[in-house]
C-alpha atoms as a PDB file:
ATOM      1  CA  MET A   1      -0.153   0.005  -0.120  1.00  0.00           C
ATOM      2  CA  GLY A   2       1.157   3.510  -0.829  1.00  0.00           C
ATOM      3  CA  LYS A   3       0.772   6.534   1.303  1.00  0.00           C
ATOM      4  CA  ILE A   4      -2.502   8.436   0.843  1.00  0.00           C
ATOM      5  CA  VAL A   5      -2.867  12.149   1.511  1.00  0.00           C
ATOM      6  CA  LYS A   6      -6.070  13.909   1.961  1.00  0.00           C
ATOM      7  CA  PHE A   7      -6.304  17.601   1.018  1.00  0.00           C
ATOM      8  CA  SER A   8      -8.620  20.370  -0.015  1.00  0.00           C
ATOM      9  CA  TYR A   9      -8.495  22.537  -3.173  1.00  0.00           C
ATOM     10  CA  ASN A  10      -6.784  25.294  -1.099  1.00  0.00           C
ATOM     11  CA  ASN A  11      -3.561  23.220  -0.954  1.00  0.00           C
ATOM     12  CA  GLN A  12      -2.434  24.548  -4.203  1.00  0.00           C
ATOM     13  CA  GLU A  13       0.865  22.552  -4.231  1.00  0.00           C
ATOM     14  CA  LEU A  14      -0.952  19.163  -3.896  1.00  0.00           C
ATOM     15  CA  HIS A  15      -3.687  20.176  -6.150  1.00  0.00           C
ATOM     16  CA  LYS A  16      -1.241  20.920  -8.971  1.00  0.00           C
ATOM     17  CA  ILE A  17       0.293  17.367  -8.379  1.00  0.00           C
ATOM     18  CA  ALA A  18      -3.133  15.769  -8.635  1.00  0.00           C
ATOM     19  CA  MET A  19      -4.095  17.688 -11.661  1.00  0.00           C
ATOM     20  CA  GLU A  20      -0.808  16.706 -13.483  1.00  0.00           C
ATOM     21  CA  ILE A  21      -1.776  13.109 -12.889  1.00  0.00           C
ATOM     22  CA  ARG A  22      -5.300  13.731 -14.076  1.00  0.00           C
ATOM     23  CA  ILE A  23      -4.154  15.512 -17.218  1.00  0.00           C
ATOM     24  CA  LYS A  24      -1.872  12.639 -18.216  1.00  0.00           C
ATOM     25  CA  VAL A  25      -4.652  10.052 -17.657  1.00  0.00           C
ATOM     26  CA  PHE A  26      -7.834  11.769 -18.814  1.00  0.00           C
ATOM     27  CA  VAL A  27      -6.740  14.598 -21.100  1.00  0.00           C
ATOM     28  CA  ASP A  28      -3.718  12.955 -22.825  1.00  0.00           C
ATOM     29  CA  GLU A  29      -4.662   9.319 -22.841  1.00  0.00           C
ATOM     30  CA  GLN A  30      -8.349   9.372 -23.008  1.00  0.00           C
ATOM     31  CA  LYS A  31      -8.762  12.704 -24.776  1.00  0.00           C
ATOM     32  CA  VAL A  32     -11.279  14.161 -22.282  1.00  0.00           C
ATOM     33  CA  PRO A  33     -11.675  17.903 -22.644  1.00  0.00           C
ATOM     34  CA  PHE A  34      -9.490  19.845 -20.004  1.00  0.00           C
ATOM     35  CA  GLU A  35     -12.574  21.869 -19.076  1.00  0.00           C
ATOM     36  CA  MET A  36     -14.191  18.783 -17.531  1.00  0.00           C
ATOM     37  CA  GLU A  37     -11.207  18.250 -15.323  1.00  0.00           C
ATOM     38  CA  GLU A  38     -11.620  21.748 -13.766  1.00  0.00           C
ATOM     39  CA  GLU A  39     -15.329  21.173 -12.893  1.00  0.00           C
ATOM     40  CA  PHE A  40     -16.314  21.239  -9.154  1.00  0.00           C
ATOM     41  CA  GLU A  41     -12.622  21.333  -8.054  1.00  0.00           C
ATOM     42  CA  GLU A  42     -13.242  23.755  -5.082  1.00  0.00           C
ATOM     43  CA  ASP A  43     -16.095  21.694  -3.851  1.00  0.00           C
ATOM     44  CA  CYS A  44     -14.058  18.424  -3.629  1.00  0.00           C
ATOM     45  CA  THR A  45     -12.012  16.540  -1.065  1.00  0.00           C
ATOM     46  CA  HIS A  46      -9.110  15.360  -2.832  1.00  0.00           C
ATOM     47  CA  PHE A  47      -6.513  12.553  -2.370  1.00  0.00           C
ATOM     48  CA  ILE A  48      -3.061  11.686  -3.722  1.00  0.00           C
ATOM     49  CA  LEU A  49      -1.538   8.331  -3.509  1.00  0.00           C
ATOM     50  CA  TYR A  50       2.257   8.030  -3.315  1.00  0.00           C
ATOM     51  CA  HIS A  51       4.301   4.953  -4.042  1.00  0.00           C
ATOM     52  CA  ARG A  52       8.047   5.033  -3.351  1.00  0.00           C
ATOM     53  CA  ARG A  53       7.705   8.886  -2.596  1.00  0.00           C
ATOM     54  CA  LYS A  54       6.276   9.542  -5.956  1.00  0.00           C
ATOM     55  CA  ALA A  55       2.818  10.648  -6.622  1.00  0.00           C
ATOM     56  CA  VAL A  56       1.247   7.879  -8.804  1.00  0.00           C
ATOM     57  CA  GLY A  57      -2.618   8.281  -8.326  1.00  0.00           C
ATOM     58  CA  THR A  58      -5.391  10.643  -7.405  1.00  0.00           C
ATOM     59  CA  ALA A  59      -9.194  10.665  -6.711  1.00  0.00           C
ATOM     60  CA  ARG A  60     -11.758  13.025  -5.234  1.00  0.00           C
ATOM     61  CA  TYR A  61     -15.214  13.102  -3.926  1.00  0.00           C
ATOM     62  CA  ARG A  62     -17.819  15.758  -3.422  1.00  0.00           C
ATOM     63  CA  ARG A  63     -21.080  16.052  -1.568  1.00  0.00           C
ATOM     64  CA  THR A  64     -24.023  16.485  -3.756  1.00  0.00           C
ATOM     65  CA  ASP A  65     -27.918  16.545  -3.427  1.00  0.00           C
ATOM     66  CA  ASN A  66     -27.728  12.767  -4.163  1.00  0.00           C
ATOM     67  CA  GLY A  67     -25.163  11.767  -1.656  1.00  0.00           C
ATOM     68  CA  ILE A  68     -21.351  11.510  -2.094  1.00  0.00           C
ATOM     69  CA  LYS A  69     -19.951  11.211  -5.554  1.00  0.00           C
ATOM     70  CA  PHE A  70     -16.631   9.549  -6.029  1.00  0.00           C
ATOM     71  CA  GLU A  71     -14.882  10.822  -8.963  1.00  0.00           C
ATOM     72  CA  ARG A  72     -11.628  11.121 -11.034  1.00  0.00           C
ATOM     73  CA  PHE A  73      -9.835   7.976 -10.030  1.00  0.00           C
ATOM     74  CA  ALA A  74      -6.469   8.331 -12.101  1.00  0.00           C
ATOM     75  CA  PHE A  75      -3.326   6.405 -11.860  1.00  0.00           C
ATOM     76  CA  LEU A  76      -0.108   6.462 -14.010  1.00  0.00           C
ATOM     77  CA  LYS A  77       0.166   3.707 -16.518  1.00  0.00           C
ATOM     78  CA  ASP A  78       3.090   1.927 -14.804  1.00  0.00           C
ATOM     79  CA  VAL A  79       1.237   1.427 -11.518  1.00  0.00           C
ATOM     80  CA  ARG A  80      -2.003   0.300 -12.746  1.00  0.00           C
ATOM     81  CA  GLY A  81      -3.089  -3.301 -11.752  1.00  0.00           C
ATOM     82  CA  LYS A  82      -0.936  -3.060  -8.492  1.00  0.00           C
ATOM     83  CA  GLY A  83      -3.834  -2.676  -6.065  1.00  0.00           C
ATOM     84  CA  PHE A  84      -3.455   1.159  -5.607  1.00  0.00           C
ATOM     85  CA  GLY A  85      -6.978   1.750  -6.750  1.00  0.00           C
ATOM     86  CA  LYS A  86      -8.450  -0.590  -4.077  1.00  0.00           C
ATOM     87  CA  ASP A  87      -6.221   1.294  -1.463  1.00  0.00           C
ATOM     88  CA  ILE A  88      -7.416   4.703  -2.342  1.00  0.00           C
ATOM     89  CA  LEU A  89     -10.959   3.472  -2.572  1.00  0.00           C
ATOM     90  CA  ARG A  90     -10.988   1.921   0.854  1.00  0.00           C
ATOM     91  CA  PHE A  91      -9.395   5.158   2.238  1.00  0.00           C
ATOM     92  CA  MET A  92     -12.159   7.326   0.759  1.00  0.00           C
ATOM     93  CA  LEU A  93     -14.949   4.939   1.849  1.00  0.00           C
ATOM     94  CA  THR A  94     -13.483   5.141   5.439  1.00  0.00           C
ATOM     95  CA  ASP A  95     -13.363   8.899   5.201  1.00  0.00           C
ATOM     96  CA  VAL A  96     -17.214   9.125   4.262  1.00  0.00           C
ATOM     97  CA  PHE A  97     -18.534   6.289   6.398  1.00  0.00           C
ATOM     98  CA  TYR A  98     -19.758   8.624   9.062  1.00  0.00           C
ATOM     99  CA  TYR A  99     -21.686  10.828   6.689  1.00  0.00           C
ATOM    100  CA  LYS A 100     -24.228   7.949   6.434  1.00  0.00           C
ATOM    101  CA  GLN A 101     -25.110   9.056   2.889  1.00  0.00           C
ATOM    102  CA  LYS A 102     -25.362   7.114  -0.356  1.00  0.00           C
ATOM    103  CA  VAL A 103     -21.918   6.820  -2.082  1.00  0.00           C
ATOM    104  CA  TYR A 104     -22.192   6.737  -5.938  1.00  0.00           C
ATOM    105  CA  LEU A 105     -20.052   7.122  -9.004  1.00  0.00           C
ATOM    106  CA  ASN A 106     -19.974   6.889 -12.738  1.00  0.00           C
ATOM    107  CA  ALA A 107     -17.559   4.078 -13.758  1.00  0.00           C
ATOM    108  CA  GLN A 108     -15.990   3.683 -17.079  1.00  0.00           C
ATOM    109  CA  VAL A 109     -17.120   0.441 -18.744  1.00  0.00           C
ATOM    110  CA  ASP A 110     -13.609  -1.246 -18.520  1.00  0.00           C
ATOM    111  CA  VAL A 111     -13.530  -0.738 -14.567  1.00  0.00           C
ATOM    112  CA  VAL A 112     -17.040  -1.846 -13.752  1.00  0.00           C
ATOM    113  CA  ASP A 113     -15.825  -5.052 -12.438  1.00  0.00           C
ATOM    114  CA  PHE A 114     -13.213  -3.597 -10.167  1.00  0.00           C
ATOM    115  CA  TYR A 115     -15.970  -1.400  -8.481  1.00  0.00           C
ATOM    116  CA  LYS A 116     -18.344  -4.491  -8.316  1.00  0.00           C
ATOM    117  CA  LYS A 117     -15.683  -6.308  -6.437  1.00  0.00           C
ATOM    118  CA  SER A 118     -15.347  -3.368  -4.154  1.00  0.00           C
ATOM    119  CA  GLY A 119     -19.032  -3.329  -3.134  1.00  0.00           C
ATOM    120  CA  PHE A 120     -20.476  -1.221  -5.850  1.00  0.00           C
ATOM    121  CA  VAL A 121     -23.599  -2.134  -8.014  1.00  0.00           C
ATOM    122  CA  VAL A 122     -24.767  -0.960 -11.269  1.00  0.00           C
ATOM    123  CA  VAL A 123     -27.945   1.137 -10.955  1.00  0.00           C
ATOM    124  CA  GLY A 124     -28.745   2.328 -14.321  1.00  0.00           C
ATOM    125  CA  LYS A 125     -28.146   2.045 -18.023  1.00  0.00           C
ATOM    126  CA  LYS A 126     -24.915   2.723 -19.894  1.00  0.00           C
ATOM    127  CA  PHE A 127     -24.424   6.375 -20.938  1.00  0.00           C
ATOM    128  CA  ASP A 128     -21.652   8.413 -22.745  1.00  0.00           C
ATOM    129  CA  GLU A 129     -19.621  10.952 -20.987  1.00  0.00           C
ATOM    130  CA  ALA A 130     -16.702  12.743 -22.697  1.00  0.00           C
ATOM    131  CA  GLY A 131     -16.906  10.045 -25.409  1.00  0.00           C
ATOM    132  CA  ILE A 132     -16.422   7.314 -22.930  1.00  0.00           C
ATOM    133  CA  ASP A 133     -19.119   4.728 -21.977  1.00  0.00           C
ATOM    134  CA  HIS A 134     -20.009   4.720 -18.207  1.00  0.00           C
ATOM    135  CA  TYR A 135     -22.391   3.012 -15.934  1.00  0.00           C
ATOM    136  CA  PRO A 136     -23.885   4.552 -12.816  1.00  0.00           C
ATOM    137  CA  MET A 137     -23.081   2.634  -9.702  1.00  0.00           C
ATOM    138  CA  GLU A 138     -23.821   2.850  -5.946  1.00  0.00           C
ATOM    139  CA  TYR A 139     -21.954   1.538  -2.913  1.00  0.00           C
ATOM    140  CA  GLU A 140     -24.078  -1.202  -1.235  1.00  0.00           C
ATOM    141  CA  ALA A 141     -21.703  -2.754   1.264  1.00  0.00           C
ATOM    142  CA  PRO A 142     -22.727  -0.722   4.159  1.00  0.00           C
ATOM    143  CA  ASN A 143     -26.393  -2.220   3.617  1.00  0.00           C
ATOM    144  CA  LEU A 144     -24.793  -5.645   3.565  1.00  0.00           C
ATOM    145  CA  LEU A 145     -22.887  -5.049   6.854  1.00  0.00           C
ATOM    146  CA  GLU A 146     -25.976  -3.684   8.473  1.00  0.00           C
ATOM    147  CA  LYS A 147     -27.939  -6.809   7.330  1.00  0.00           C
ATOM    148  CA  ALA A 148     -25.267  -9.189   8.660  1.00  0.00           C
ATOM    149  CA  LEU A 149     -25.195  -7.354  12.084  1.00  0.00           C
ATOM    150  CA  GLU A 150     -29.094  -7.698  12.283  1.00  0.00           C
ATOM    151  CA  LYS A 151     -28.826 -11.349  11.684  1.00  0.00           C
ATOM    152  CA  ALA A 152     -25.986 -11.796  14.234  1.00  0.00           C
ATOM    153  CA  ILE A 153     -28.085  -9.759  16.822  1.00  0.00           C
ATOM    154  CA  CYS A 154     -31.112 -11.910  16.140  1.00  0.00           C
ATOM    155  CA  ARG A 155     -29.315 -15.174  16.792  1.00  0.00           C
ATOM    156  CA  ARG A 156     -28.262 -14.180  20.120  1.00  0.00           C
END
């Protein structure tokens, strides 16, 4: 596991590092318009994952009228598939746990299975965003935990 740092938009030094990663992944690799990367920046809680003292990944979340939306998971090519996505996702889920709000995201089609393994379920139809197919997903694991606890209490 790498070191994960949580920060706000006001930390311009860390924000610049996160944006550099996102630009490499989304703008350069996936051809997402740069303007989309700037949306809602000030409203978000941001995260950077460091591996061997190098920033290699980033993500963010923001509170919306629908709950907490996880967004902009981006990892440099050379560290993909090494478990860092799971690390930052767990860190973020722990960070928002006490809000007791719905956690949701829009997953690119090629990473839907990753999110399913992490407790998310598809809750709608495929849609296009920035020329990339996505599925809306919600985190259901807290409900599963609550159900398991209810069963355990009933058995006593």
